């Protein structure tokens, strides 16, 4: 079974920059040493709605608190998280 972990909103000018910033935070997967790191630009999701209090971005559902962070600079916002196997 797969699950997501350690989601962060990262502001960057590219997916590679977002990945580098996330990894620089020293965040590691919980249990899966081969976890996949997903980097999803919020505005690239076709159903993303900046006005909505909730959105599905990549494999995660974000709520009001996360949307408030994304709104700070939504054109540069990426959701970065691990997908781990249990």
Protein backbone atom coordinates (compact mmCIF):
# COMPACT_ATOMS: atom_id res chain seq x y z
CA UNK A 1 0.00 0.00 0.00
CA UNK A 2 1.28 3.47 -0.87
CA UNK A 3 0.80 6.68 1.08
CA UNK A 4 2.11 10.22 0.90
CA UNK A 5 4.24 11.79 3.60
CA UNK A 6 6.03 15.00 4.53
CA UNK A 7 4.18 17.38 2.23
CA UNK A 8 5.66 20.86 1.96
CA UNK A 9 4.75 23.87 -0.14
CA UNK A 10 7.91 25.12 -1.80
CA UNK A 11 8.13 28.36 -3.79
CA UNK A 12 10.46 28.00 -6.76
CA UNK A 13 10.93 28.92 -10.40
CA UNK A 14 11.20 25.31 -11.59
CA UNK A 15 10.45 21.78 -10.45
CA UNK A 16 14.17 21.08 -10.12
CA UNK A 17 14.64 24.11 -7.87
CA UNK A 18 11.66 23.00 -5.75
CA UNK A 19 13.16 19.50 -5.46
CA UNK A 20 16.54 20.92 -4.39
CA UNK A 21 14.96 23.23 -1.79
CA UNK A 22 12.91 20.36 -0.36
CA UNK A 23 15.91 18.04 -0.10
CA UNK A 24 17.95 20.84 1.51
CA UNK A 25 15.41 20.80 4.36
CA UNK A 26 16.74 17.34 5.27
CA UNK A 27 13.32 15.70 5.14
CA UNK A 28 13.53 11.91 4.86
CA UNK A 29 10.83 9.29 4.18
CA UNK A 30 9.34 7.62 7.25
CA UNK A 31 9.84 3.94 6.37
CA UNK A 32 10.60 3.47 2.69
CA UNK A 33 14.25 4.03 1.69
CA UNK A 34 13.16 3.89 -1.98
CA UNK A 35 10.30 6.40 -1.65
CA UNK A 36 9.44 8.44 -4.73
CA UNK A 37 9.67 12.21 -4.38
CA UNK A 38 6.81 13.94 -6.22
CA UNK A 39 7.09 17.59 -7.22
CA UNK A 40 3.81 19.07 -8.50
CA UNK A 41 3.32 22.67 -9.58
CA UNK A 42 -0.02 23.69 -8.14
CA UNK A 43 -1.20 25.65 -11.16
CA UNK A 44 -0.37 22.75 -13.53
CA UNK A 45 -3.24 20.69 -12.13
CA UNK A 46 -6.17 21.29 -14.49
CA UNK A 47 -8.70 21.32 -11.64
CA UNK A 48 -6.71 23.68 -9.40
CA UNK A 49 -8.83 26.60 -8.22
CA UNK A 50 -7.01 29.35 -6.34
CA UNK A 51 -10.31 30.55 -4.87
CA UNK A 52 -11.28 27.15 -3.45
CA UNK A 53 -10.52 26.37 0.20
CA UNK A 54 -9.63 22.78 -0.82
CA UNK A 55 -7.79 21.30 -3.82
CA UNK A 56 -6.43 17.98 -5.02
CA UNK A 57 -2.85 18.55 -6.14
CA UNK A 58 -1.05 15.52 -7.48
CA UNK A 59 -1.74 12.74 -4.99
CA UNK A 60 -2.65 14.95 -2.03
CA UNK A 61 -5.67 16.84 -0.88
CA UNK A 62 -4.89 20.25 0.60
CA UNK A 63 -7.10 22.22 2.92
CA UNK A 64 -7.55 25.80 4.04
CA UNK A 65 -4.24 26.17 5.89
CA UNK A 66 -2.18 24.87 2.97
CA UNK A 67 -4.18 26.90 0.46
CA UNK A 68 -3.41 30.03 2.48
CA UNK A 69 0.31 29.25 2.10
CA UNK A 70 -0.06 28.54 -1.62
CA UNK A 71 -1.88 31.85 -2.15
CA UNK A 72 1.19 33.76 -0.90
CA UNK A 73 2.85 33.16 -4.30
CA UNK A 74 0.68 30.65 -6.18
CA UNK A 75 2.37 31.01 -9.60
CA UNK A 76 5.58 29.67 -7.98
CA UNK A 77 4.00 27.16 -5.57
CA UNK A 78 4.91 23.48 -5.74
CA UNK A 79 3.63 20.71 -3.50
CA UNK A 80 6.48 18.33 -2.76
CA UNK A 81 5.99 15.03 -0.93
CA UNK A 82 7.16 11.45 -0.73
CA UNK A 83 5.13 8.48 -1.91
CA UNK A 84 6.08 5.58 0.33
CA UNK A 85 5.30 1.88 0.26
CA UNK A 86 4.07 0.26 3.45
